[in-house]
Amino acid sequence: MKIGVIDYGMGNLFSVEQALKLLNCEPIISSNIEELNSCDALILPGVGAFPDAMKRLAETELDTFIKSQTKPLLGICLGMQLMFEKSDEVELTEGLGIFKGRVKRFEGVPRIPHMGWNNLQFSQFPEWLKETKLPDDRFVYFVHSYYATELANKELVAYADYEGVKVPGVVKNGSFTGMQFHPEKSGAFGVFLLNQWLKGLERNEC
């Protein structure tokens, strides 16, 4: 199975590439729309500032490409945040608008960034998880200073509690899924979630 990893110059592509290889997928790292179109599914990674990322996506027309997708697409970390309507990071910036909501900086918490292991609590289960027994240990690793707010309840799959703040960890809207944490760096449960998403592709459940 070919998984296109969207390369717009702001992602930790190596870790995603290695995780996909370990899970018996063929990663295609590219910014070429024709090449990405040939893949079975797509991953939008991301590390850095929201405005810079949106600028780079617009310059390469990858923003339009992403919004027009019907094949499954997984956004990771900043890649997930980019799929919301807007962000306050640095300056108010329009996002891809795939998910309802606004990305805002943490306030009133003892430490920023939110960094560490947190237990994921599930509000609902997407098709790719419904027939699967979840492990008892559901901890994943977060490193971020901004988080999604004002979500549509129907789009929230799982969240973590950080000092009383409900932090969206997994979101889904149609063929689009987002994970705030890096599943490939989040121990056994992170890899489990990535693997289940990939298996859902084979069963056409994403």
Protein backbone atom coordinates (compact mmCIF):
# COMPACT_ATOMS: atom_id res chain seq x y z
CA MET A 1 0.00 0.00 0.00
CA LYS A 2 1.42 3.39 -1.03
CA ILE A 3 1.09 6.21 1.49
CA GLY A 4 1.89 9.71 0.27
CA VAL A 5 3.65 11.85 2.86
CA ILE A 6 3.08 15.49 1.87
CA ASP A 7 6.39 17.33 1.87
CA TYR A 8 5.98 21.10 2.17
CA GLY A 9 9.23 21.69 4.04
CA MET A 10 7.83 21.66 7.60
CA GLY A 11 7.56 18.08 8.78
CA ASN A 12 9.61 15.46 10.56
CA LEU A 13 9.37 13.19 7.56
CA PHE A 14 11.99 10.65 8.59
CA SER A 15 10.12 9.36 11.64
CA VAL A 16 6.86 9.02 9.68
CA GLU A 17 8.67 7.31 6.82
CA GLN A 18 10.32 4.77 9.14
CA ALA A 19 7.07 4.02 10.96
CA LEU A 20 5.27 3.36 7.67
CA LYS A 21 8.04 1.03 6.55
CA LEU A 22 7.85 -0.91 9.82
CA LEU A 23 4.10 -1.29 9.25
CA ASN A 24 4.74 -2.73 5.77
CA CYS A 25 3.67 0.30 3.77
CA GLU A 26 5.48 2.06 0.95
CA PRO A 27 5.97 5.74 1.89
CA ILE A 28 6.13 8.22 -0.98
CA ILE A 29 7.55 11.54 0.28
CA SER A 30 6.68 14.20 -2.24
CA SER A 31 5.35 17.68 -2.95
CA ASN A 32 4.38 16.65 -6.47
CA ILE A 33 0.59 16.57 -6.75
CA GLU A 34 0.58 14.01 -9.57
CA GLU A 35 2.79 11.68 -7.55
CA LEU A 36 0.68 12.12 -4.42
CA ASN A 37 -2.46 11.43 -6.44
CA SER A 38 -1.11 7.98 -7.27
CA CYS A 39 -1.05 6.98 -3.58
CA ASP A 40 -3.71 5.05 -1.69
CA ALA A 41 -3.84 7.55 1.18
CA LEU A 42 -2.03 10.65 2.42
CA ILE A 43 -0.34 11.92 5.56
CA LEU A 44 0.12 15.63 6.33
CA PRO A 45 2.87 15.96 8.97
CA GLY A 46 4.00 19.23 10.45
CA VAL A 47 6.38 20.95 12.86
CA GLY A 48 6.65 24.72 13.22
CA ALA A 49 4.41 27.79 13.02
CA PHE A 50 0.92 27.76 11.52
CA PRO A 51 1.29 30.88 9.28
CA ASP A 52 4.54 29.63 7.75
CA ALA A 53 2.98 26.25 7.02
CA MET A 54 -0.11 27.73 5.37
CA LYS A 55 2.08 30.00 3.26
CA ARG A 56 4.11 27.07 1.99
CA LEU A 57 1.02 25.02 1.23
CA ALA A 58 -0.45 27.93 -0.74
CA GLU A 59 2.76 28.54 -2.69
CA THR A 60 2.76 24.95 -3.94
CA GLU A 61 -1.05 24.73 -4.36
CA LEU A 62 -1.02 21.84 -1.91
CA ASP A 63 -3.70 23.65 0.11
CA THR A 64 -6.20 23.28 -2.73
CA PHE A 65 -5.08 19.71 -3.33
CA ILE A 66 -5.62 18.76 0.32
CA LYS A 67 -9.07 20.40 0.56
CA SER A 68 -10.23 18.54 -2.56
CA GLN A 69 -9.23 15.13 -1.28
CA THR A 70 -11.63 12.20 -1.19
CA LYS A 71 -8.99 9.61 -0.31
CA PRO A 72 -8.12 9.13 3.38
CA LEU A 73 -5.79 11.77 4.81
CA LEU A 74 -4.18 11.83 8.26
CA GLY A 75 -2.87 15.10 9.71
CA ILE A 76 -0.22 14.79 12.44
CA CYS A 77 0.59 17.49 15.04
CA LEU A 78 0.75 20.81 13.13
CA GLY A 79 -0.71 18.90 10.18
CA MET A 80 -3.86 18.31 12.23
CA GLN A 81 -4.03 21.97 13.33
CA LEU A 82 -3.75 23.20 9.75
CA MET A 83 -7.03 21.44 8.96
CA PHE A 84 -8.99 23.74 11.30
CA GLU A 85 -10.64 27.00 10.26
CA LYS A 86 -8.07 29.39 11.72
CA SER A 87 -5.24 29.83 14.20
CA ASP A 88 -4.08 32.58 16.55
CA GLU A 89 -0.44 31.49 16.37
CA VAL A 90 1.81 34.50 15.62
CA GLU A 91 -1.09 36.20 13.80
CA LEU A 92 -4.64 35.27 12.92
CA THR A 93 -4.35 32.95 9.91
CA GLU A 94 -6.97 31.09 7.92
CA GLY A 95 -6.55 27.32 7.87
CA LEU A 96 -7.79 24.64 5.51
CA GLY A 97 -11.27 24.64 7.09
CA ILE A 98 -11.77 20.88 7.04
CA PHE A 99 -12.56 20.79 10.76
CA LYS A 100 -14.65 23.36 12.61
CA GLY A 101 -12.73 25.29 15.25
CA ARG A 102 -9.92 27.65 16.15
CA VAL A 103 -6.36 26.84 17.22
CA LYS A 104 -5.39 28.87 20.30
CA ARG A 105 -2.49 29.08 22.74
CA PHE A 106 -2.87 27.42 26.14
CA GLU A 107 -3.85 29.80 28.93
CA GLY A 108 -4.03 29.33 32.68
CA VAL A 109 -1.91 26.20 32.79
CA PRO A 110 1.29 25.81 34.83
CA ARG A 111 3.51 25.00 31.90
CA ILE A 112 3.62 25.75 28.18
CA PRO A 113 4.23 23.82 26.02
CA HIS A 114 2.02 20.92 26.98
CA MET A 115 4.74 18.30 27.07
CA GLY A 116 4.45 14.76 28.30
CA TRP A 117 2.44 11.55 28.33
CA ASN A 118 -1.34 11.80 28.62
CA ASN A 119 -4.10 9.24 28.62
CA LEU A 120 -6.46 9.43 25.64
CA GLN A 121 -10.16 9.34 26.48
CA PHE A 122 -12.50 8.38 23.66
CA SER A 123 -15.74 10.22 22.93
CA GLN A 124 -16.58 7.94 20.00
CA PHE A 125 -14.97 5.35 17.79
CA PRO A 126 -14.38 5.76 14.06
CA GLU A 127 -14.96 2.76 11.82
CA TRP A 128 -11.29 1.80 11.88
CA LEU A 129 -11.46 1.31 15.66
CA LYS A 130 -14.97 -0.07 16.19
CA GLU A 131 -14.10 -3.74 15.76
CA THR A 132 -10.86 -3.49 17.73
CA LYS A 133 -10.23 -3.98 21.44
CA LEU A 134 -8.21 -1.04 22.69
CA PRO A 135 -5.18 -1.71 24.91
CA ASP A 136 -5.55 -0.77 28.57
CA ASP A 137 -2.57 1.58 28.29
CA ARG A 138 -3.75 4.50 26.15
CA PHE A 139 -0.98 7.01 26.76
CA VAL A 140 0.50 9.12 23.96
CA TYR A 141 3.15 11.85 23.98
CA PHE A 142 2.22 15.49 23.41
CA VAL A 143 4.51 18.45 22.66
CA HIS A 144 2.60 21.60 21.66
CA SER A 145 1.76 25.12 22.80
CA TYR A 146 -1.43 25.54 20.74
CA TYR A 147 -4.53 23.35 20.68
CA ALA A 148 -7.83 23.16 18.85
CA THR A 149 -10.88 24.80 20.43
CA GLU A 150 -14.55 25.35 19.54
CA LEU A 151 -14.78 21.93 17.88
CA ALA A 152 -17.91 20.29 16.57
CA ASN A 153 -18.70 17.46 19.01
CA LYS A 154 -19.32 15.06 16.15
CA GLU A 155 -15.72 15.57 14.93
CA LEU A 156 -14.03 14.84 18.28
CA VAL A 157 -12.84 11.23 18.61
CA ALA A 158 -10.49 11.38 21.61
CA TYR A 159 -9.04 13.93 23.99
CA ALA A 160 -6.58 14.28 26.85
CA ASP A 161 -6.93 16.27 30.05
CA TYR A 162 -4.11 18.76 30.67
CA GLU A 163 -4.58 20.60 33.96
CA GLY A 164 -8.33 20.77 33.39
CA VAL A 165 -8.06 21.72 29.70
CA LYS A 166 -9.73 19.32 27.29
CA VAL A 167 -7.12 18.85 24.56
CA PRO A 168 -8.37 17.26 21.32
CA GLY A 169 -6.09 14.33 20.52
CA VAL A 170 -7.91 12.68 17.61
CA VAL A 171 -10.46 14.29 15.30
CA LYS A 172 -12.31 13.01 12.24
CA ASN A 173 -14.49 14.43 9.50
CA GLY A 174 -15.32 12.11 6.61
CA SER A 175 -12.08 10.84 5.06
CA PHE A 176 -9.98 13.30 7.12
CA THR A 177 -8.41 12.30 10.44
CA GLY A 178 -6.13 14.32 12.71
CA MET A 179 -3.84 13.34 15.58
CA GLN A 180 -2.36 16.11 17.75
CA PHE A 181 0.40 13.82 19.02
CA HIS A 182 2.95 12.06 16.84
CA PRO A 183 1.68 8.45 16.75
CA GLU A 184 5.05 7.20 15.49
CA LYS A 185 6.71 8.67 18.61
CA SER A 186 4.00 7.81 21.14
CA GLY A 187 5.03 4.34 22.21
CA ALA A 188 2.96 1.22 21.76
CA PHE A 189 -0.45 2.91 21.72
CA GLY A 190 0.58 5.53 19.19
CA VAL A 191 1.84 2.86 16.82
CA PHE A 192 -1.32 0.84 17.50
CA LEU A 193 -3.50 3.78 16.40
CA LEU A 194 -1.44 4.39 13.27
CA ASN A 195 -1.57 0.70 12.42
CA GLN A 196 -5.35 0.56 12.91
CA TRP A 197 -5.80 3.59 10.66
CA LEU A 198 -3.72 1.86 7.98
CA LYS A 199 -5.71 -1.37 8.37
CA GLY A 200 -8.87 0.68 7.97
CA LEU A 201 -7.59 1.76 4.57
CA GLU A 202 -7.45 -1.87 3.48
CA ARG A 203 -11.02 -2.36 4.70
CA ASN A 204 -12.11 1.02 3.23
CA GLU A 205 -13.15 2.24 6.70
CA CYS A 206 -11.30 5.55 6.74
